[in-house]
Amino acid sequence: MANKDAAFGLRPIGKVGQNRDNQGLSEYGIKAASTETIYFNDPVKCIATGDVDVAAAGDLLMGSLNGVFYTDSSTSKPTWSNHFLANNAATDVVAFVADDPYERFEVQCAGTITSAQIFTVADIAYTAGDSANYVSKVEISATTAAGSAAQLRILGISKDPDNDEGAANVNLVVNINEHVLNSANGI
């Protein structure tokens, strides 16, 4: 059976272990007039301005975007959105990020991965999100490694009954292997 090719980014699904799982979101800024659109469930990174921005393959990750809140510069009304549009002129943007270093995420694979690759690592494969509903199209690369130099660690195959392990676009359970809160290095 073929898996549906419908990437959805890094969808938070719960934490590793038996600690309290409150699915908390942390608040971060987004640079005013940023030239990057950040889609719902896009992975984000920290930048030198003290804000977050959309991440690419190889970046040290912070988590995934869950939405933004800001004062619309044209209407002066408080606005909630599941995404951040590029060149938004608001100066008070707050990004809500699932940033727990022990958060697990579900993500679609850009190729084929089997259970033999569980606990290996891989980078993200970034594709701009869907402009109809602003949901991420980020996937995990099918190129895995046994070392520690990659963004995501594969923890398992999603338990969805329509998820076929041997086919392309399999959904995986991962956590962030290269997380800014677990790194000895700054940004």
C-alpha atoms as a PDB file:
ATOM      1  CA  MET A   1       0.000   0.000   0.000  1.00  0.00           C
ATOM      2  CA  ALA A   2       1.323   3.467  -0.830  1.00  0.00           C
ATOM      3  CA  ASN A   3       1.481   6.185   1.808  1.00  0.00           C
ATOM      4  CA  LYS A   4      -0.184   9.519   1.163  1.00  0.00           C
ATOM      5  CA  ASP A   5       2.368  12.156   0.107  1.00  0.00           C
ATOM      6  CA  ALA A   6       1.132  14.984   2.341  1.00  0.00           C
ATOM      7  CA  ALA A   7       3.939  16.523   4.406  1.00  0.00           C
ATOM      8  CA  PHE A   8       2.866  18.414   7.546  1.00  0.00           C
ATOM      9  CA  GLY A   9       6.117  19.505   9.200  1.00  0.00           C
ATOM     10  CA  LEU A  10       7.080  18.645  12.780  1.00  0.00           C
ATOM     11  CA  ARG A  11       3.812  17.849  14.595  1.00  0.00           C
ATOM     12  CA  PRO A  12       4.321  17.719  18.408  1.00  0.00           C
ATOM     13  CA  ILE A  13       2.897  14.476  19.856  1.00  0.00           C
ATOM     14  CA  GLY A  14       4.231  14.245  23.434  1.00  0.00           C
ATOM     15  CA  LYS A  15       7.434  13.991  25.393  1.00  0.00           C
ATOM     16  CA  VAL A  16       9.969  11.232  25.894  1.00  0.00           C
ATOM     17  CA  GLY A  17       9.826   9.464  29.240  1.00  0.00           C
ATOM     18  CA  GLN A  18       7.396   9.651  32.110  1.00  0.00           C
ATOM     19  CA  ASN A  19       7.798  13.282  33.108  1.00  0.00           C
ATOM     20  CA  ARG A  20       4.832  15.635  33.198  1.00  0.00           C
ATOM     21  CA  ASP A  21       3.623  16.218  29.647  1.00  0.00           C
ATOM     22  CA  ASN A  22       1.926  19.602  29.567  1.00  0.00           C
ATOM     23  CA  GLN A  23       2.572  20.293  25.867  1.00  0.00           C
ATOM     24  CA  GLY A  24       3.705  23.768  26.878  1.00  0.00           C
ATOM     25  CA  LEU A  25       4.637  26.347  24.307  1.00  0.00           C
ATOM     26  CA  SER A  26       7.321  28.949  24.885  1.00  0.00           C
ATOM     27  CA  GLU A  27       7.111  32.498  23.591  1.00  0.00           C
ATOM     28  CA  TYR A  28       9.781  34.001  21.341  1.00  0.00           C
ATOM     29  CA  GLY A  29       9.971  37.082  19.155  1.00  0.00           C
ATOM     30  CA  ILE A  30      10.100  37.238  15.377  1.00  0.00           C
ATOM     31  CA  LYS A  31      12.075  40.060  13.812  1.00  0.00           C
ATOM     32  CA  ALA A  32       9.767  42.793  12.458  1.00  0.00           C
ATOM     33  CA  ALA A  33       9.529  42.773   8.655  1.00  0.00           C
ATOM     34  CA  SER A  34      11.266  39.385   8.451  1.00  0.00           C
ATOM     35  CA  THR A  35      11.589  38.249   4.845  1.00  0.00           C
ATOM     36  CA  GLU A  36      10.795  34.622   5.731  1.00  0.00           C
ATOM     37  CA  THR A  37       7.340  33.059   5.932  1.00  0.00           C
ATOM     38  CA  ILE A  38       7.124  30.538   8.772  1.00  0.00           C
ATOM     39  CA  TYR A  39       4.402  27.944   8.323  1.00  0.00           C
ATOM     40  CA  PHE A  40       2.471  26.025  11.016  1.00  0.00           C
ATOM     41  CA  ASN A  41       4.729  23.171  12.286  1.00  0.00           C
ATOM     42  CA  ASP A  42       7.823  24.535  10.485  1.00  0.00           C
ATOM     43  CA  PRO A  43      11.038  23.904  12.434  1.00  0.00           C
ATOM     44  CA  VAL A  44      12.516  27.118  13.804  1.00  0.00           C
ATOM     45  CA  LYS A  45      15.997  28.180  14.849  1.00  0.00           C
ATOM     46  CA  CYS A  46      17.343  30.962  17.089  1.00  0.00           C
ATOM     47  CA  ILE A  47      18.956  33.948  15.375  1.00  0.00           C
ATOM     48  CA  ALA A  48      21.427  36.555  16.628  1.00  0.00           C
ATOM     49  CA  THR A  49      18.716  39.226  17.137  1.00  0.00           C
ATOM     50  CA  GLY A  50      17.247  37.144  19.980  1.00  0.00           C
ATOM     51  CA  ASP A  51      14.346  36.007  17.795  1.00  0.00           C
ATOM     52  CA  VAL A  52      13.382  32.807  15.970  1.00  0.00           C
ATOM     53  CA  ASP A  53      13.232  32.207  12.242  1.00  0.00           C
ATOM     54  CA  VAL A  54      12.492  29.297   9.921  1.00  0.00           C
ATOM     55  CA  ALA A  55      15.196  26.611   9.976  1.00  0.00           C
ATOM     56  CA  ALA A  56      16.898  24.856   7.075  1.00  0.00           C
ATOM     57  CA  ALA A  57      18.834  21.599   6.807  1.00  0.00           C
ATOM     58  CA  GLY A  58      21.919  21.735   9.035  1.00  0.00           C
ATOM     59  CA  ASP A  59      20.634  24.452  11.427  1.00  0.00           C
ATOM     60  CA  LEU A  60      20.583  24.000  15.194  1.00  0.00           C
ATOM     61  CA  LEU A  61      16.841  23.637  15.933  1.00  0.00           C
ATOM     62  CA  MET A  62      14.692  25.193  18.684  1.00  0.00           C
ATOM     63  CA  GLY A  63      11.353  23.435  17.997  1.00  0.00           C
ATOM     64  CA  SER A  64       8.325  23.839  15.728  1.00  0.00           C
ATOM     65  CA  LEU A  65       6.059  26.858  15.255  1.00  0.00           C
ATOM     66  CA  ASN A  66       2.565  26.483  16.667  1.00  0.00           C
ATOM     67  CA  GLY A  67       1.309  29.989  15.852  1.00  0.00           C
ATOM     68  CA  VAL A  68       1.883  33.712  16.309  1.00  0.00           C
ATOM     69  CA  PHE A  69       0.127  36.606  18.020  1.00  0.00           C
ATOM     70  CA  TYR A  70       0.627  40.258  17.059  1.00  0.00           C
ATOM     71  CA  THR A  71      -1.076  43.613  16.623  1.00  0.00           C
ATOM     72  CA  ASP A  72      -1.996  44.007  12.957  1.00  0.00           C
ATOM     73  CA  SER A  73      -0.248  47.164  11.721  1.00  0.00           C
ATOM     74  CA  SER A  74      -3.059  48.086   9.293  1.00  0.00           C
ATOM     75  CA  THR A  75      -6.078  47.486  11.589  1.00  0.00           C
ATOM     76  CA  SER A  76      -4.456  47.874  15.050  1.00  0.00           C
ATOM     77  CA  LYS A  77      -6.335  44.719  16.115  1.00  0.00           C
ATOM     78  CA  PRO A  78      -4.844  41.840  18.097  1.00  0.00           C
ATOM     79  CA  THR A  79      -4.370  38.941  15.678  1.00  0.00           C
ATOM     80  CA  TRP A  80      -3.737  35.209  16.123  1.00  0.00           C
ATOM     81  CA  SER A  81      -2.448  33.181  13.183  1.00  0.00           C
ATOM     82  CA  ASN A  82      -1.103  29.660  12.730  1.00  0.00           C
ATOM     83  CA  HIS A  83       1.727  31.092  10.579  1.00  0.00           C
ATOM     84  CA  PHE A  84       3.896  34.181  10.102  1.00  0.00           C
ATOM     85  CA  LEU A  85       3.814  35.875   6.696  1.00  0.00           C
ATOM     86  CA  ALA A  86       7.017  37.412   5.331  1.00  0.00           C
ATOM     87  CA  ASN A  87       7.291  41.199   5.567  1.00  0.00           C
ATOM     88  CA  ASN A  88       4.684  41.459   8.342  1.00  0.00           C
ATOM     89  CA  ALA A  89       5.226  45.009   9.646  1.00  0.00           C
ATOM     90  CA  ALA A  90       4.072  44.263  13.214  1.00  0.00           C
ATOM     91  CA  THR A  91       6.709  45.019  15.833  1.00  0.00           C
ATOM     92  CA  ASP A  92       5.189  42.940  18.651  1.00  0.00           C
ATOM     93  CA  VAL A  93       5.082  39.450  17.103  1.00  0.00           C
ATOM     94  CA  VAL A  94       5.114  36.606  19.621  1.00  0.00           C
ATOM     95  CA  ALA A  95       5.856  33.136  18.241  1.00  0.00           C
ATOM     96  CA  PHE A  96       4.582  30.108  20.168  1.00  0.00           C
ATOM     97  CA  VAL A  97       7.096  27.284  19.797  1.00  0.00           C
ATOM     98  CA  ALA A  98       7.003  23.653  20.956  1.00  0.00           C
ATOM     99  CA  ASP A  99      10.591  23.830  22.234  1.00  0.00           C
ATOM    100  CA  ASP A 100      10.999  21.140  24.899  1.00  0.00           C
ATOM    101  CA  PRO A 101      14.242  19.247  24.134  1.00  0.00           C
ATOM    102  CA  TYR A 102      12.407  16.012  24.984  1.00  0.00           C
ATOM    103  CA  GLU A 103       9.404  16.675  22.735  1.00  0.00           C
ATOM    104  CA  ARG A 104       8.589  13.955  20.220  1.00  0.00           C
ATOM    105  CA  PHE A 105       7.300  14.923  16.788  1.00  0.00           C
ATOM    106  CA  GLU A 106       5.595  13.082  13.966  1.00  0.00           C
ATOM    107  CA  VAL A 107       7.046  13.897  10.544  1.00  0.00           C
ATOM    108  CA  GLN A 108       6.752  12.464   7.040  1.00  0.00           C
ATOM    109  CA  CYS A 109       9.843  10.985   5.395  1.00  0.00           C
ATOM    110  CA  ALA A 110      10.963  12.329   2.011  1.00  0.00           C
ATOM    111  CA  GLY A 111      11.782   8.772   0.903  1.00  0.00           C
ATOM    112  CA  THR A 112      11.728   5.267   2.327  1.00  0.00           C
ATOM    113  CA  ILE A 113      12.837   4.317   5.839  1.00  0.00           C
ATOM    114  CA  THR A 114      12.427   0.971   7.609  1.00  0.00           C
ATOM    115  CA  SER A 115      12.550  -0.069  11.258  1.00  0.00           C
ATOM    116  CA  ALA A 116      16.218  -1.003  10.735  1.00  0.00           C
ATOM    117  CA  GLN A 117      16.949   2.748  10.724  1.00  0.00           C
ATOM    118  CA  ILE A 118      15.336   3.504  14.087  1.00  0.00           C
ATOM    119  CA  PHE A 119      17.727   5.472  16.337  1.00  0.00           C
ATOM    120  CA  THR A 120      19.713   6.769  13.373  1.00  0.00           C
ATOM    121  CA  VAL A 121      19.756  10.512  12.621  1.00  0.00           C
ATOM    122  CA  ALA A 122      18.839  12.636   9.600  1.00  0.00           C
ATOM    123  CA  ASP A 123      18.433  16.287   8.615  1.00  0.00           C
ATOM    124  CA  ILE A 124      15.199  17.963   7.608  1.00  0.00           C
ATOM    125  CA  ALA A 125      14.266  18.420   3.956  1.00  0.00           C
ATOM    126  CA  TYR A 126      12.836  21.946   3.729  1.00  0.00           C
ATOM    127  CA  THR A 127      10.117  22.815   1.224  1.00  0.00           C
ATOM    128  CA  ALA A 128       8.032  25.989   1.523  1.00  0.00           C
ATOM    129  CA  GLY A 129       4.630  25.288   3.050  1.00  0.00           C
ATOM    130  CA  ASP A 130       1.171  25.243   1.539  1.00  0.00           C
ATOM    131  CA  SER A 131      -0.079  28.785   0.840  1.00  0.00           C
ATOM    132  CA  ALA A 132      -3.732  27.668   0.976  1.00  0.00           C
ATOM    133  CA  ASN A 133      -3.720  26.813   4.693  1.00  0.00           C
ATOM    134  CA  TYR A 134      -0.133  27.716   5.680  1.00  0.00           C
ATOM    135  CA  VAL A 135       0.834  24.249   6.924  1.00  0.00           C
ATOM    136  CA  SER A 136       4.481  23.207   6.699  1.00  0.00           C
ATOM    137  CA  LYS A 137       5.755  20.812   4.029  1.00  0.00           C
ATOM    138  CA  VAL A 138       8.977  20.003   5.875  1.00  0.00           C
ATOM    139  CA  GLU A 139       9.952  16.336   5.848  1.00  0.00           C
ATOM    140  CA  ILE A 140      12.813  14.279   7.256  1.00  0.00           C
ATOM    141  CA  SER A 141      15.449  13.270   4.733  1.00  0.00           C
ATOM    142  CA  ALA A 142      15.659   9.561   3.908  1.00  0.00           C
ATOM    143  CA  THR A 143      19.455   9.839   4.114  1.00  0.00           C
ATOM    144  CA  THR A 144      20.253   8.601   7.608  1.00  0.00           C
ATOM    145  CA  ALA A 145      23.478   8.219   9.566  1.00  0.00           C
ATOM    146  CA  ALA A 146      24.518   6.335  12.687  1.00  0.00           C
ATOM    147  CA  GLY A 147      26.481   9.273  14.144  1.00  0.00           C
ATOM    148  CA  SER A 148      25.260  12.312  15.999  1.00  0.00           C
ATOM    149  CA  ALA A 149      25.652  14.998  13.329  1.00  0.00           C
ATOM    150  CA  ALA A 150      22.086  15.495  12.102  1.00  0.00           C
ATOM    151  CA  GLN A 151      19.035  17.446  13.227  1.00  0.00           C
ATOM    152  CA  LEU A 152      16.514  14.687  14.023  1.00  0.00           C
ATOM    153  CA  ARG A 153      16.760  11.275  15.700  1.00  0.00           C
ATOM    154  CA  ILE A 154      14.315   8.627  14.503  1.00  0.00           C
ATOM    155  CA  LEU A 155      12.546   7.047  17.483  1.00  0.00           C
ATOM    156  CA  GLY A 156      10.091   4.856  15.599  1.00  0.00           C
ATOM    157  CA  ILE A 157       7.515   4.371  12.886  1.00  0.00           C
ATOM    158  CA  SER A 158       4.158   6.104  13.436  1.00  0.00           C
ATOM    159  CA  LYS A 159       1.455   3.711  14.654  1.00  0.00           C
ATOM    160  CA  ASP A 160      -1.116   5.044  12.153  1.00  0.00           C
ATOM    161  CA  PRO A 161      -2.742   1.930  10.588  1.00  0.00           C
ATOM    162  CA  ASP A 162      -2.544   3.552   7.126  1.00  0.00           C
ATOM    163  CA  ASN A 163       1.216   4.051   7.519  1.00  0.00           C
ATOM    164  CA  ASP A 164       3.132   1.466   5.427  1.00  0.00           C
ATOM    165  CA  GLU A 165       6.700   1.058   6.686  1.00  0.00           C
ATOM    166  CA  GLY A 166       8.080  -0.308   3.413  1.00  0.00           C
ATOM    167  CA  ALA A 167       6.763   2.478   1.184  1.00  0.00           C
ATOM    168  CA  ALA A 168       7.858   6.047   0.489  1.00  0.00           C
ATOM    169  CA  ASN A 169       6.455   8.907   2.601  1.00  0.00           C
ATOM    170  CA  VAL A 170       6.261   6.863   5.790  1.00  0.00           C
ATOM    171  CA  ASN A 171       5.416   8.889   8.913  1.00  0.00           C
ATOM    172  CA  LEU A 172       8.045   8.693  11.650  1.00  0.00           C
ATOM    173  CA  VAL A 173       8.316   9.609  15.315  1.00  0.00           C
ATOM    174  CA  VAL A 174      11.419  11.731  15.953  1.00  0.00           C
ATOM    175  CA  ASN A 175      12.946  14.094  18.448  1.00  0.00           C
ATOM    176  CA  ILE A 176      15.340  16.954  17.867  1.00  0.00           C
ATOM    177  CA  ASN A 177      18.871  15.594  18.029  1.00  0.00           C
ATOM    178  CA  GLU A 178      20.565  18.974  17.490  1.00  0.00           C
ATOM    179  CA  HIS A 179      18.523  21.136  19.885  1.00  0.00           C
ATOM    180  CA  VAL A 180      19.706  24.598  20.912  1.00  0.00           C
ATOM    181  CA  LEU A 181      18.746  23.917  24.555  1.00  0.00           C
ATOM    182  CA  ASN A 182      20.919  20.762  24.637  1.00  0.00           C
ATOM    183  CA  SER A 183      23.904  22.242  22.787  1.00  0.00           C
ATOM    184  CA  ALA A 184      27.096  23.386  24.441  1.00  0.00           C
ATOM    185  CA  ASN A 185      27.443  25.990  21.689  1.00  0.00           C
ATOM    186  CA  GLY A 186      25.559  29.276  21.348  1.00  0.00           C
ATOM    187  CA  ILE A 187      24.034  30.524  18.134  1.00  0.00           C
END
